[in-house]
Amino acid sequence: MVPTLISGDLALVDHGKNYLDPQGGIYAISIDSQIMVKRLQIVFPGKHIKIISDNQFYPSIEISPQDLIINGKIIWYGREIDG
């Protein structure tokens, strides 16, 4: 998720928000037992979910909602200041 999130950042996950908000957002998700943090967006009319990485080197993909688990929404993040 570089440049939004970088290695070592702290993220606060609201596990009560284990559903996709209509406006999307950044979520902790599981796909095939792999946990990751990605930006999610609903794609109409098929109601698929677009998984987006803020890192331009990783292409977006679309999947069916039943193929992913939303563990929670990222509601805050922070990082240590260098120097």
Protein backbone atom coordinates (compact mmCIF):
# COMPACT_ATOMS: atom_id res chain seq x y z
CA MET A 1 0.00 0.00 0.00
CA VAL A 2 2.99 2.30 -0.49
CA PRO A 3 2.82 5.33 -0.48
CA THR A 4 -0.22 5.38 1.85
CA LEU A 5 1.09 2.72 4.24
CA ILE A 6 4.70 1.64 4.57
CA SER A 7 6.44 -1.18 6.41
CA GLY A 8 6.45 -0.49 10.15
CA ASP A 9 3.32 1.69 10.17
CA LEU A 10 0.76 1.07 12.90
CA ALA A 11 -2.84 0.62 11.77
CA LEU A 12 -5.99 0.60 13.86
CA VAL A 13 -8.56 -1.88 12.53
CA ASP A 14 -12.24 -1.52 13.48
CA HIS A 15 -13.29 -5.18 13.49
CA GLY A 16 -16.92 -4.11 13.88
CA LYS A 17 -16.81 -2.77 10.33
CA ASN A 18 -16.47 -6.17 8.67
CA TYR A 19 -18.58 -5.11 5.69
CA LEU A 20 -17.83 -2.90 2.70
CA ASP A 21 -19.08 0.67 3.02
CA PRO A 22 -20.69 1.97 -0.22
CA GLN A 23 -17.96 4.62 -0.50
CA GLY A 24 -15.21 2.00 -0.07
CA GLY A 25 -12.09 2.51 2.02
CA ILE A 26 -8.99 0.69 3.24
CA TYR A 27 -9.64 -2.70 4.82
CA ALA A 28 -7.85 -5.65 6.41
CA ILE A 29 -8.96 -8.61 4.28
CA SER A 30 -8.34 -12.32 3.89
CA ILE A 31 -8.20 -14.16 0.58
CA ASP A 32 -7.26 -17.84 0.53
CA SER A 33 -5.94 -17.59 4.13
CA GLN A 34 -3.66 -14.64 3.23
CA ILE A 35 -4.21 -11.47 5.25
CA MET A 36 -3.54 -8.15 3.57
CA VAL A 37 -4.48 -4.48 3.71
CA LYS A 38 -6.02 -3.13 0.52
CA ARG A 39 -8.36 -0.44 -0.74
CA LEU A 40 -11.78 -1.87 -1.68
CA GLN A 41 -14.45 -0.55 -4.02
CA ILE A 42 -17.83 -1.93 -5.12
CA VAL A 43 -18.10 -2.42 -8.88
CA PHE A 44 -21.59 -2.11 -10.33
CA PRO A 45 -23.66 -3.56 -11.95
CA GLY A 46 -22.16 -6.99 -11.19
CA LYS A 47 -21.57 -6.14 -7.53
CA HIS A 48 -18.02 -7.45 -7.67
CA ILE A 49 -15.38 -6.01 -5.38
CA LYS A 50 -12.34 -4.26 -6.79
CA ILE A 51 -9.18 -4.79 -4.74
CA ILE A 52 -6.82 -1.87 -5.22
CA SER A 53 -3.24 -1.44 -4.07
CA ASP A 54 -2.00 2.13 -3.76
CA ASN A 55 1.34 0.79 -5.04
CA GLN A 56 1.23 1.29 -8.81
CA PHE A 57 3.28 -1.88 -9.39
CA TYR A 58 0.38 -4.09 -8.27
CA PRO A 59 -2.62 -4.15 -10.61
CA SER A 60 -6.18 -3.99 -9.32
CA ILE A 61 -8.28 -7.15 -9.44
CA GLU A 62 -12.00 -7.83 -9.23
CA ILE A 63 -13.44 -10.72 -7.25
CA SER A 64 -16.78 -12.00 -6.09
CA PRO A 65 -17.75 -10.91 -2.54
CA GLN A 66 -17.95 -14.53 -1.39
CA ASP A 67 -14.27 -15.04 -2.27
CA LEU A 68 -13.01 -12.63 0.37
CA ILE A 69 -13.36 -12.03 4.10
CA ILE A 70 -13.38 -8.46 5.41
CA ASN A 71 -11.69 -8.52 8.81
CA GLY A 72 -12.23 -4.82 9.50
CA LYS A 73 -11.79 -1.28 8.23
CA ILE A 74 -8.59 0.70 8.77
CA ILE A 75 -9.72 3.80 10.66
CA TRP A 76 -6.33 5.24 11.67
CA TYR A 77 -2.67 4.78 10.91
CA GLY A 78 0.55 6.35 12.12
CA ARG A 79 4.27 6.09 11.71
CA GLU A 80 7.38 6.95 13.65
CA ILE A 81 9.13 10.15 12.66
CA ASP A 82 12.71 9.60 11.47
CA GLY A 83 15.39 12.02 12.56
